[in-house]
Each structure stands twice: as structure tokens, then as C-alpha cells.
Amino acid sequence: MSVDNSHTPSFRYQNVLDRGKPIHNGTDSFSVRHPAMDLSRRAKIFSPFDALKGFGDELERAKAEITDTFSNDTVPPEEPP
């Protein structure tokens, strides 16, 4: 499988790009050494994670504070312009 790169300028790894995506049939040496990952394990890799620890808790605290502030009956509602 070859990729038409006639419009792409040549660069250091042009030969790798020209080869295109490899196709494995399941019995070649690569597929034997690197079997496909089952979907349940793959899903765990891409599952969401808490990149900003505590950020969700802080958002919930701020939401509760704002809700308490604006649900207070002593604060008059804003008049529309």
C-alpha cells in the first residue's frame, strides 16, 4: 500500500510515510508477538481519570455556595432591563 505524497515536500522520514499503514493478517510475526488487546482492557486504558485532583470537589463546593447565595429569600431578584 503506497501513499501518494507528490504534493508533500521530502523530509527525513519520507520513506516511512511512503510505506503507508501496515496490514497484519494475524499469522505474521508482528501479530504473533503483539496480539490484539481485548476490548475490556482497551476500555480501561481510555477510561476517564481525575487529571486535576480535587477540582471536581471544588466545583461542587462553589456550586453549593452559589446555590445557597441565590436561593436566599433576603436577596431581591434582579429586575430585567
PDB file of N, CA and C in Angstrom:
ATOM      1  N   MET A   1       0.857  -1.171   0.000  1.00  0.00           N
ATOM      2  CA  MET A   1       0.000   0.000   0.000  1.00  0.00           C
ATOM      3  C   MET A   1       0.899   1.229   0.000  1.00  0.00           C
ATOM      4  N   SER A   2       0.728   2.084  -0.934  1.00  0.00           N
ATOM      5  CA  SER A   2       1.557   3.262  -1.070  1.00  0.00           C
ATOM      6  C   SER A   2       0.684   4.508  -0.999  1.00  0.00           C
ATOM      7  N   VAL A   3       1.230   5.555  -0.426  1.00  0.00           N
ATOM      8  CA  VAL A   3       0.518   6.814  -0.279  1.00  0.00           C
ATOM      9  C   VAL A   3       1.055   7.787  -1.312  1.00  0.00           C
ATOM     10  N   ASP A   4       0.156   8.506  -1.990  1.00  0.00           N
ATOM     11  CA  ASP A   4       0.584   9.499  -2.971  1.00  0.00           C
ATOM     12  C   ASP A   4       0.989  10.765  -2.234  1.00  0.00           C
ATOM     13  N   ASN A   5       2.286  11.009  -2.170  1.00  0.00           N
ATOM     14  CA  ASN A   5       2.805  12.185  -1.485  1.00  0.00           C
ATOM     15  C   ASN A   5       3.500  13.124  -2.463  1.00  0.00           C
ATOM     16  N   SER A   6       3.030  13.187  -3.691  1.00  0.00           N
ATOM     17  CA  SER A   6       3.670  14.010  -4.699  1.00  0.00           C
ATOM     18  C   SER A   6       3.605  15.489  -4.342  1.00  0.00           C
ATOM     19  N   HIS A   7       2.584  15.874  -3.567  1.00  0.00           N
ATOM     20  CA  HIS A   7       2.445  17.272  -3.173  1.00  0.00           C
ATOM     21  C   HIS A   7       3.148  17.583  -1.855  1.00  0.00           C
ATOM     22  N   THR A   8       3.638  16.560  -1.153  1.00  0.00           N
ATOM     23  CA  THR A   8       4.299  16.741   0.132  1.00  0.00           C
ATOM     24  C   THR A   8       5.798  16.910  -0.078  1.00  0.00           C
ATOM     25  N   PRO A   9       6.389  17.919   0.528  1.00  0.00           N
ATOM     26  CA  PRO A   9       7.840  18.070   0.389  1.00  0.00           C
ATOM     27  C   PRO A   9       8.565  16.914   1.066  1.00  0.00           C
ATOM     28  N   SER A  10       9.730  16.575   0.578  1.00  0.00           N
ATOM     29  CA  SER A  10      10.507  15.479   1.126  1.00  0.00           C
ATOM     30  C   SER A  10      11.044  15.861   2.505  1.00  0.00           C
ATOM     31  N   PHE A  11      11.067  14.920   3.412  1.00  0.00           N
ATOM     32  CA  PHE A  11      11.609  15.142   4.736  1.00  0.00           C
ATOM     33  C   PHE A  11      12.303  13.868   5.205  1.00  0.00           C
ATOM     34  N   ARG A  12      12.867  13.900   6.381  1.00  0.00           N
ATOM     35  CA  ARG A  12      13.735  12.825   6.868  1.00  0.00           C
ATOM     36  C   ARG A  12      13.087  11.438   6.816  1.00  0.00           C
ATOM     37  N   TYR A  13      11.807  11.324   7.166  1.00  0.00           N
ATOM     38  CA  TYR A  13      11.144  10.024   7.241  1.00  0.00           C
ATOM     39  C   TYR A  13      10.176   9.811   6.078  1.00  0.00           C
ATOM     40  N   GLN A  14      10.491  10.361   4.936  1.00  0.00           N
ATOM     41  CA  GLN A  14       9.623  10.237   3.767  1.00  0.00           C
ATOM     42  C   GLN A  14       9.404   8.766   3.408  1.00  0.00           C
ATOM     43  N   ASN A  15      10.454   7.933   3.499  1.00  0.00           N
ATOM     44  CA  ASN A  15      10.314   6.525   3.143  1.00  0.00           C
ATOM     45  C   ASN A  15       9.335   5.801   4.058  1.00  0.00           C
ATOM     46  N   VAL A  16       9.287   6.176   5.332  1.00  0.00           N
ATOM     47  CA  VAL A  16       8.347   5.563   6.276  1.00  0.00           C
ATOM     48  C   VAL A  16       6.921   5.978   5.911  1.00  0.00           C
ATOM     49  N   LEU A  17       6.729   7.228   5.585  1.00  0.00           N
ATOM     50  CA  LEU A  17       5.415   7.726   5.192  1.00  0.00           C
ATOM     51  C   LEU A  17       4.952   7.062   3.901  1.00  0.00           C
ATOM     52  N   ASP A  18       5.870   6.880   2.967  1.00  0.00           N
ATOM     53  CA  ASP A  18       5.516   6.281   1.677  1.00  0.00           C
ATOM     54  C   ASP A  18       5.067   4.831   1.808  1.00  0.00           C
ATOM     55  N   ARG A  19       5.545   4.145   2.832  1.00  0.00           N
ATOM     56  CA  ARG A  19       5.145   2.738   3.019  1.00  0.00           C
ATOM     57  C   ARG A  19       3.669   2.604   3.350  1.00  0.00           C
ATOM     58  N   GLY A  20       3.091   3.598   4.003  1.00  0.00           N
ATOM     59  CA  GLY A  20       1.681   3.527   4.374  1.00  0.00           C
ATOM     60  C   GLY A  20       1.468   2.705   5.626  1.00  0.00           C
ATOM     61  N   LYS A  21       0.217   2.501   5.957  1.00  0.00           N
ATOM     62  CA  LYS A  21      -0.150   1.748   7.156  1.00  0.00           C
ATOM     63  C   LYS A  21       0.083   0.260   6.935  1.00  0.00           C
ATOM     64  N   PRO A  22       0.748  -0.414   7.876  1.00  0.00           N
ATOM     65  CA  PRO A  22       0.979  -1.851   7.703  1.00  0.00           C
ATOM     66  C   PRO A  22      -0.325  -2.644   7.864  1.00  0.00           C
ATOM     67  N   ILE A  23      -0.401  -3.719   7.132  1.00  0.00           N
ATOM     68  CA  ILE A  23      -1.568  -4.604   7.219  1.00  0.00           C
ATOM     69  C   ILE A  23      -1.087  -5.931   7.783  1.00  0.00           C
ATOM     70  N   HIS A  24      -1.684  -6.358   8.877  1.00  0.00           N
ATOM     71  CA  HIS A  24      -1.297  -7.602   9.534  1.00  0.00           C
ATOM     72  C   HIS A  24      -2.428  -8.606   9.380  1.00  0.00           C
ATOM     73  N   ASN A  25      -2.067  -9.859   9.135  1.00  0.00           N
ATOM     74  CA  ASN A  25      -3.088 -10.876   8.879  1.00  0.00           C
ATOM     75  C   ASN A  25      -3.331 -11.814  10.055  1.00  0.00           C
ATOM     76  N   GLY A  26      -2.672 -11.604  11.173  1.00  0.00           N
ATOM     77  CA  GLY A  26      -2.897 -12.445  12.343  1.00  0.00           C
ATOM     78  C   GLY A  26      -1.925 -13.592  12.466  1.00  0.00           C
ATOM     79  N   THR A  27      -1.260 -13.952  11.382  1.00  0.00           N
ATOM     80  CA  THR A  27      -0.287 -15.047  11.451  1.00  0.00           C
ATOM     81  C   THR A  27       1.129 -14.567  11.168  1.00  0.00           C
ATOM     82  N   ASP A  28       1.300 -13.284  10.843  1.00  0.00           N
ATOM     83  CA  ASP A  28       2.650 -12.785  10.607  1.00  0.00           C
ATOM     84  C   ASP A  28       3.377 -12.617  11.942  1.00  0.00           C
ATOM     85  N   SER A  29       4.687 -12.413  11.883  1.00  0.00           N
ATOM     86  CA  SER A  29       5.493 -12.382  13.103  1.00  0.00           C
ATOM     87  C   SER A  29       5.093 -11.239  14.043  1.00  0.00           C
ATOM     88  N   PHE A  30       4.703 -10.100  13.494  1.00  0.00           N
ATOM     89  CA  PHE A  30       4.301  -8.987  14.349  1.00  0.00           C
ATOM     90  C   PHE A  30       3.040  -9.335  15.139  1.00  0.00           C
ATOM     91  N   SER A  31       2.035  -9.881  14.468  1.00  0.00           N
ATOM     92  CA  SER A  31       0.776 -10.205  15.136  1.00  0.00           C
ATOM     93  C   SER A  31       0.939 -11.311  16.172  1.00  0.00           C
ATOM     94  N   VAL A  32       1.867 -12.214  15.936  1.00  0.00           N
ATOM     95  CA  VAL A  32       2.116 -13.283  16.905  1.00  0.00           C
ATOM     96  C   VAL A  32       2.773 -12.706  18.154  1.00  0.00           C
ATOM     97  N   ARG A  33       3.743 -11.793  17.973  1.00  0.00           N
ATOM     98  CA  ARG A  33       4.421 -11.189  19.127  1.00  0.00           C
ATOM     99  C   ARG A  33       3.569 -10.142  19.824  1.00  0.00           C
ATOM    100  N   HIS A  34       2.682  -9.476  19.094  1.00  0.00           N
ATOM    101  CA  HIS A  34       1.860  -8.397  19.649  1.00  0.00           C
ATOM    102  C   HIS A  34       0.388  -8.663  19.343  1.00  0.00           C
ATOM    103  N   PRO A  35      -0.236  -9.591  20.071  1.00  0.00           N
ATOM    104  CA  PRO A  35      -1.643  -9.902  19.791  1.00  0.00           C
ATOM    105  C   PRO A  35      -2.530  -8.699  20.104  1.00  0.00           C
ATOM    106  N   ALA A  36      -3.679  -8.646  19.447  1.00  0.00           N
ATOM    107  CA  ALA A  36      -4.627  -7.549  19.660  1.00  0.00           C
ATOM    108  C   ALA A  36      -5.124  -7.570  21.103  1.00  0.00           C
ATOM    109  N   MET A  37      -5.310  -6.390  21.658  1.00  0.00           N
ATOM    110  CA  MET A  37      -5.786  -6.257  23.031  1.00  0.00           C
ATOM    111  C   MET A  37      -7.305  -6.449  23.061  1.00  0.00           C
ATOM    112  N   ASP A  38      -7.796  -7.192  24.055  1.00  0.00           N
ATOM    113  CA  ASP A  38      -9.240  -7.369  24.143  1.00  0.00           C
ATOM    114  C   ASP A  38      -9.901  -6.042  24.524  1.00  0.00           C
ATOM    115  N   LEU A  39     -11.156  -5.891  24.141  1.00  0.00           N
ATOM    116  CA  LEU A  39     -11.845  -4.609  24.288  1.00  0.00           C
ATOM    117  C   LEU A  39     -11.992  -4.154  25.735  1.00  0.00           C
ATOM    118  N   SER A  40     -12.158  -5.077  26.684  1.00  0.00           N
ATOM    119  CA  SER A  40     -12.317  -4.657  28.078  1.00  0.00           C
ATOM    120  C   SER A  40     -11.027  -4.029  28.612  1.00  0.00           C
ATOM    121  N   ARG A  41      -9.872  -4.585  28.261  1.00  0.00           N
ATOM    122  CA  ARG A  41      -8.603  -3.977  28.682  1.00  0.00           C
ATOM    123  C   ARG A  41      -8.373  -2.652  27.971  1.00  0.00           C
ATOM    124  N   ARG A  42      -8.740  -2.595  26.702  1.00  0.00           N
ATOM    125  CA  ARG A  42      -8.566  -1.357  25.942  1.00  0.00           C
ATOM    126  C   ARG A  42      -9.448  -0.257  26.527  1.00  0.00           C
ATOM    127  N   ALA A  43     -10.653  -0.597  26.935  1.00  0.00           N
ATOM    128  CA  ALA A  43     -11.561   0.387  27.516  1.00  0.00           C
ATOM    129  C   ALA A  43     -10.994   0.954  28.813  1.00  0.00           C
ATOM    130  N   LYS A  44     -10.311   0.132  29.599  1.00  0.00           N
ATOM    131  CA  LYS A  44      -9.721   0.602  30.853  1.00  0.00           C
ATOM    132  C   LYS A  44      -8.623   1.633  30.591  1.00  0.00           C
ATOM    133  N   ILE A  45      -7.882   1.454  29.526  1.00  0.00           N
ATOM    134  CA  ILE A  45      -6.803   2.389  29.204  1.00  0.00           C
ATOM    135  C   ILE A  45      -7.362   3.768  28.899  1.00  0.00           C
ATOM    136  N   PHE A  46      -8.476   3.806  28.176  1.00  0.00           N
ATOM    137  CA  PHE A  46      -9.038   5.076  27.749  1.00  0.00           C
ATOM    138  C   PHE A  46     -10.167   5.572  28.646  1.00  0.00           C
ATOM    139  N   SER A  47     -10.332   4.972  29.810  1.00  0.00           N
ATOM    140  CA  SER A  47     -11.389   5.409  30.717  1.00  0.00           C
ATOM    141  C   SER A  47     -11.033   6.775  31.306  1.00  0.00           C
ATOM    142  N   PRO A  48     -12.034   7.540  31.687  1.00  0.00           N
ATOM    143  CA  PRO A  48     -11.750   8.868  32.239  1.00  0.00           C
ATOM    144  C   PRO A  48     -10.972   8.775  33.557  1.00  0.00           C
ATOM    145  N   PHE A  49     -10.222   9.813  33.849  1.00  0.00           N
ATOM    146  CA  PHE A  49      -9.478   9.857  35.097  1.00  0.00           C
ATOM    147  C   PHE A  49      -9.500  11.291  35.614  1.00  0.00           C
ATOM    148  N   ASP A  50      -9.188  11.444  36.879  1.00  0.00           N
ATOM    149  CA  ASP A  50      -9.222  12.758  37.511  1.00  0.00           C
ATOM    150  C   ASP A  50      -7.855  13.411  37.345  1.00  0.00           C
ATOM    151  N   ALA A  51      -7.686  14.139  36.243  1.00  0.00           N
ATOM    152  CA  ALA A  51      -6.398  14.773  35.956  1.00  0.00           C
ATOM    153  C   ALA A  51      -6.106  15.904  36.935  1.00  0.00           C
ATOM    154  N   LEU A  52      -7.134  16.584  37.381  1.00  0.00           N
ATOM    155  CA  LEU A  52      -6.979  17.684  38.332  1.00  0.00           C
ATOM    156  C   LEU A  52      -7.613  17.257  39.654  1.00  0.00           C
ATOM    157  N   LYS A  53      -6.854  16.577  40.465  1.00  0.00           N
ATOM    158  CA  LYS A  53      -7.393  16.034  41.717  1.00  0.00           C
ATOM    159  C   LYS A  53      -7.983  17.141  42.582  1.00  0.00           C
ATOM    160  N   GLY A  54      -9.214  16.937  43.020  1.00  0.00           N
ATOM    161  CA  GLY A  54      -9.879  17.898  43.877  1.00  0.00           C
ATOM    162  C   GLY A  54     -10.633  18.983  43.132  1.00  0.00           C
ATOM    163  N   PHE A  55     -10.444  19.081  41.819  1.00  0.00           N
ATOM    164  CA  PHE A  55     -11.105  20.128  41.053  1.00  0.00           C
ATOM    165  C   PHE A  55     -12.621  19.917  41.045  1.00  0.00           C
ATOM    166  N   GLY A  56     -13.057  18.672  40.881  1.00  0.00           N
ATOM    167  CA  GLY A  56     -14.489  18.364  40.894  1.00  0.00           C
ATOM    168  C   GLY A  56     -15.123  18.703  42.237  1.00  0.00           C
ATOM    169  N   ASP A  57     -14.403  18.407  43.318  1.00  0.00           N
ATOM    170  CA  ASP A  57     -14.906  18.733  44.655  1.00  0.00           C
ATOM    171  C   ASP A  57     -15.030  20.244  44.833  1.00  0.00           C
ATOM    172  N   GLU A  58     -14.052  20.983  44.335  1.00  0.00           N
ATOM    173  CA  GLU A  58     -14.087  22.441  44.434  1.00  0.00           C
ATOM    174  C   GLU A  58     -15.248  23.016  43.622  1.00  0.00           C
ATOM    175  N   LEU A  59     -15.512  22.438  42.463  1.00  0.00           N
ATOM    176  CA  LEU A  59     -16.660  22.885  41.660  1.00  0.00           C
ATOM    177  C   LEU A  59     -17.975  22.638  42.396  1.00  0.00           C
ATOM    178  N   GLU A  60     -18.093  21.481  43.006  1.00  0.00           N
ATOM    179  CA  GLU A  60     -19.308  21.168  43.769  1.00  0.00           C
ATOM    180  C   GLU A  60     -19.480  22.132  44.939  1.00  0.00           C
ATOM    181  N   ARG A  61     -18.373  22.471  45.641  1.00  0.00           N
ATOM    182  CA  ARG A  61     -18.443  23.402  46.750  1.00  0.00           C
ATOM    183  C   ARG A  61     -18.877  24.781  46.264  1.00  0.00           C
ATOM    184  N   ALA A  62     -18.309  25.233  45.156  1.00  0.00           N
ATOM    185  CA  ALA A  62     -18.672  26.540  44.603  1.00  0.00           C
ATOM    186  C   ALA A  62     -20.126  26.546  44.146  1.00  0.00           C
ATOM    187  N   LYS A  63     -20.570  25.453  43.550  1.00  0.00           N
ATOM    188  CA  LYS A  63     -21.963  25.348  43.105  1.00  0.00           C
ATOM    189  C   LYS A  63     -22.909  25.434  44.296  1.00  0.00           C
ATOM    190  N   ALA A  64     -22.579  24.725  45.370  1.00  0.00           N
ATOM    191  CA  ALA A  64     -23.420  24.760  46.570  1.00  0.00           C
ATOM    192  C   ALA A  64     -23.445  26.158  47.167  1.00  0.00           C
ATOM    193  N   GLU A  65     -22.299  26.828  47.193  1.00  0.00           N
ATOM    194  CA  GLU A  65     -22.222  28.188  47.736  1.00  0.00           C
ATOM    195  C   GLU A  65     -23.065  29.156  46.909  1.00  0.00           C
ATOM    196  N   ILE A  66     -22.984  29.053  45.617  1.00  0.00           N
ATOM    197  CA  ILE A  66     -23.771  29.933  44.744  1.00  0.00           C
ATOM    198  C   ILE A  66     -25.248  29.634  44.870  1.00  0.00           C
ATOM    199  N   THR A  67     -25.593  28.371  44.944  1.00  0.00           N
ATOM    200  CA  THR A  67     -27.000  27.984  45.102  1.00  0.00           C
ATOM    201  C   THR A  67     -27.548  28.535  46.416  1.00  0.00           C
ATOM    202  N   ASP A  68     -26.764  28.429  47.494  1.00  0.00           N
ATOM    203  CA  ASP A  68     -27.206  28.964  48.786  1.00  0.00           C
ATOM    204  C   ASP A  68     -27.370  30.480  48.725  1.00  0.00           C
ATOM    205  N   THR A  69     -26.445  31.142  48.040  1.00  0.00           N
ATOM    206  CA  THR A  69     -26.500  32.604  47.954  1.00  0.00           C
ATOM    207  C   THR A  69     -27.741  33.053  47.202  1.00  0.00           C
ATOM    208  N   PHE A  70     -28.034  32.427  46.090  1.00  0.00           N
ATOM    209  CA  PHE A  70     -29.145  32.884  45.265  1.00  0.00           C
ATOM    210  C   PHE A  70     -30.486  32.292  45.653  1.00  0.00           C
ATOM    211  N   SER A  71     -30.493  31.295  46.514  1.00  0.00           N
ATOM    212  CA  SER A  71     -31.773  30.756  46.966  1.00  0.00           C
ATOM    213  C   SER A  71     -32.238  31.438  48.246  1.00  0.00           C
ATOM    214  N   ASN A  72     -31.405  32.328  48.792  1.00  0.00           N
ATOM    215  CA  ASN A  72     -31.749  33.073  49.994  1.00  0.00           C
ATOM    216  C   ASN A  72     -32.853  34.083  49.664  1.00  0.00           C
ATOM    217  N   ASP A  73     -33.931  34.102  50.447  1.00  0.00           N
ATOM    218  CA  ASP A  73     -35.076  34.983  50.171  1.00  0.00           C
ATOM    219  C   ASP A  73     -34.773  36.446  50.453  1.00  0.00           C
ATOM    220  N   THR A  74     -33.708  36.748  51.205  1.00  0.00           N
ATOM    221  CA  THR A  74     -33.409  38.128  51.530  1.00  0.00           C
ATOM    222  C   THR A  74     -32.748  38.871  50.375  1.00  0.00           C
ATOM    223  N   VAL A  75     -32.278  38.158  49.402  1.00  0.00           N
ATOM    224  CA  VAL A  75     -31.647  38.801  48.255  1.00  0.00           C
ATOM    225  C   VAL A  75     -32.738  39.073  47.228  1.00  0.00           C
ATOM    226  N   PRO A  76     -32.979  40.347  46.883  1.00  0.00           N
ATOM    227  CA  PRO A  76     -34.041  40.642  45.915  1.00  0.00           C
ATOM    228  C   PRO A  76     -33.639  40.180  44.530  1.00  0.00           C
ATOM    229  N   PRO A  77     -34.589  39.686  43.753  1.00  0.00           N
ATOM    230  CA  PRO A  77     -34.257  39.252  42.399  1.00  0.00           C
ATOM    231  C   PRO A  77     -33.911  40.459  41.533  1.00  0.00           C
ATOM    232  N   GLU A  78     -33.074  40.249  40.567  1.00  0.00           N
ATOM    233  CA  GLU A  78     -32.691  41.341  39.672  1.00  0.00           C
ATOM    234  C   GLU A  78     -33.856  41.670  38.752  1.00  0.00           C
ATOM    235  N   GLU A  79     -34.021  42.947  38.484  1.00  0.00           N
ATOM    236  CA  GLU A  79     -35.047  43.385  37.551  1.00  0.00           C
ATOM    237  C   GLU A  79     -34.497  43.293  36.138  1.00  0.00           C
ATOM    238  N   PRO A  80     -35.303  42.812  35.206  1.00  0.00           N
ATOM    239  CA  PRO A  80     -34.834  42.769  33.827  1.00  0.00           C
ATOM    240  C   PRO A  80     -34.686  44.191  33.267  1.00  0.00           C
ATOM    241  N   PRO A  81     -33.778  44.410  32.354  1.00  0.00           N
ATOM    242  CA  PRO A  81     -33.572  45.768  31.823  1.00  0.00           C
ATOM    243  C   PRO A  81     -34.745  46.252  30.991  1.00  0.00           C
TER     244      PRO A  81
END
